Amino acid sequence: MLVGLVVLAAGVGLAWLIWAALAHATPAVSAQVSSFDITSDTSITVTMTVQRSDTSVPATCRVIAQSTDFQPVAEQEVAVQPSTVKLADIKLELTTLRRATSASVSGCEVG
């Protein structure tokens, strides 16, 4: 009896693990910085590549520029409008507090 309960609990746990992995493996929207150019001590130009599974839904992504000590020196939310392409490049310019050395996307969400 006890062995049967343990096997049942393990099966339920494994099924949940597989479901959670598959559900989070393909997010509705994802983005990454494909390139950036430091144009001055207070400016950086960033090209962000956004991929969406449903192109008719708008999305919002947060882009962060960092300095040499990894402190954020600029941050901007970028609205990604509905379109017909699943993969889109978006170019933006950030005004920084001091010289930036890198840029990244901290996250995206649909809606």
Protein backbone atom coordinates (compact mmCIF):
# COMPACT_ATOMS: atom_id res chain seq x y z
CA MET A 1 0.00 0.00 0.00
CA LEU A 2 2.74 2.46 1.00
CA VAL A 3 4.79 1.58 -2.09
CA GLY A 4 1.76 2.27 -4.28
CA LEU A 5 1.24 5.71 -2.72
CA VAL A 6 4.92 6.58 -3.18
CA VAL A 7 4.79 5.50 -6.84
CA LEU A 8 1.59 7.51 -7.37
CA ALA A 9 3.08 10.62 -5.73
CA ALA A 10 6.26 10.27 -7.80
CA GLY A 11 4.18 9.92 -10.99
CA VAL A 12 2.13 13.01 -10.19
CA GLY A 13 5.31 14.95 -9.36
CA LEU A 14 6.98 13.89 -12.59
CA ALA A 15 3.90 14.80 -14.64
CA TRP A 16 3.81 18.27 -13.04
CA LEU A 17 7.55 18.74 -13.69
CA ILE A 18 7.16 17.87 -17.37
CA TRP A 19 4.14 20.18 -17.72
CA ALA A 20 5.95 23.09 -16.02
CA ALA A 21 9.05 22.62 -18.18
CA LEU A 22 7.04 22.57 -21.40
CA ALA A 23 4.82 25.50 -20.40
CA HIS A 24 7.81 27.74 -19.62
CA ALA A 25 10.10 26.54 -22.42
CA THR A 26 8.44 28.71 -25.06
CA PRO A 27 7.47 32.13 -23.67
CA ALA A 28 4.91 34.25 -25.52
CA VAL A 29 7.55 36.93 -26.11
CA SER A 30 11.31 37.01 -25.73
CA ALA A 31 14.00 39.49 -26.66
CA GLN A 32 17.74 39.97 -26.64
CA VAL A 33 20.16 42.73 -27.50
CA SER A 34 21.59 41.92 -30.91
CA SER A 35 23.94 44.91 -30.99
CA PHE A 36 24.77 48.14 -29.22
CA ASP A 37 26.94 51.16 -29.96
CA ILE A 38 28.25 53.53 -27.30
CA THR A 39 27.81 56.88 -29.03
CA SER A 40 29.01 59.14 -26.18
CA ASP A 41 29.50 59.28 -22.41
CA THR A 42 25.75 59.85 -22.02
CA SER A 43 24.25 57.89 -24.90
CA ILE A 44 24.02 54.32 -26.19
CA THR A 45 22.20 53.00 -29.25
CA VAL A 46 20.70 49.53 -28.81
CA THR A 47 19.23 47.12 -31.35
CA MET A 48 16.89 44.63 -29.70
CA THR A 49 15.58 41.52 -31.49
CA VAL A 50 12.09 40.54 -30.33
CA GLN A 51 10.41 37.20 -31.04
CA ARG A 52 6.69 36.61 -30.44
CA SER A 53 4.54 33.54 -30.95
CA ASP A 54 1.43 35.69 -31.57
CA THR A 55 2.31 38.78 -33.60
CA SER A 56 -1.14 40.35 -33.20
CA VAL A 57 -0.59 40.95 -29.47
CA PRO A 58 1.46 43.95 -28.26
CA ALA A 59 4.33 43.43 -25.84
CA THR A 60 6.58 45.45 -23.56
CA CYS A 61 10.30 44.84 -22.98
CA ARG A 62 12.66 46.49 -20.50
CA VAL A 63 16.13 47.43 -21.78
CA ILE A 64 18.95 48.24 -19.34
CA ALA A 65 22.33 49.84 -20.00
CA GLN A 66 25.10 49.15 -17.48
CA SER A 67 28.44 50.73 -16.63
CA THR A 68 31.76 48.96 -15.98
CA ASP A 69 30.77 48.25 -12.35
CA PHE A 70 27.49 46.60 -13.55
CA GLN A 71 25.38 49.44 -12.15
CA PRO A 72 22.40 50.44 -14.31
CA VAL A 73 22.95 53.81 -15.96
CA ALA A 74 19.81 53.81 -18.13
CA GLU A 75 16.57 51.89 -18.29
CA GLN A 76 13.68 52.08 -20.71
CA GLU A 77 10.45 50.18 -21.32
CA VAL A 78 9.96 49.59 -25.02
CA ALA A 79 6.50 49.02 -26.49
CA VAL A 80 6.45 46.39 -29.23
CA GLN A 81 3.45 47.04 -31.45
CA PRO A 82 1.47 44.29 -33.20
CA SER A 83 2.85 43.40 -36.62
CA THR A 84 2.92 40.61 -39.17
CA VAL A 85 6.47 39.38 -38.45
CA LYS A 86 7.42 37.05 -35.61
CA LEU A 87 11.02 38.30 -35.43
CA ALA A 88 11.52 42.08 -35.32
CA ASP A 89 14.55 44.33 -34.78
CA ILE A 90 13.87 47.48 -32.77
CA LYS A 91 16.47 50.22 -32.59
CA LEU A 92 16.43 52.72 -29.73
CA GLU A 93 18.69 55.30 -28.14
CA LEU A 94 19.11 55.52 -24.38
CA THR A 95 20.36 58.56 -22.51
CA THR A 96 22.67 57.37 -19.75
CA LEU A 97 23.73 58.89 -16.43
CA ARG A 98 27.35 58.06 -17.22
CA ARG A 99 29.24 56.01 -19.80
CA ALA A 100 27.61 52.66 -20.51
CA THR A 101 29.63 49.57 -21.40
CA SER A 102 26.86 47.05 -22.09
CA ALA A 103 23.15 46.65 -22.67
CA SER A 104 20.69 43.85 -22.00
CA VAL A 105 16.99 43.02 -21.98
CA SER A 106 15.81 42.32 -18.44
CA GLY A 107 12.46 40.89 -19.47
CA CYS A 108 9.42 41.07 -21.68
CA GLU A 109 5.71 40.60 -21.15
CA VAL A 110 2.68 40.40 -23.38
CA GLY A 111 0.03 43.06 -23.22
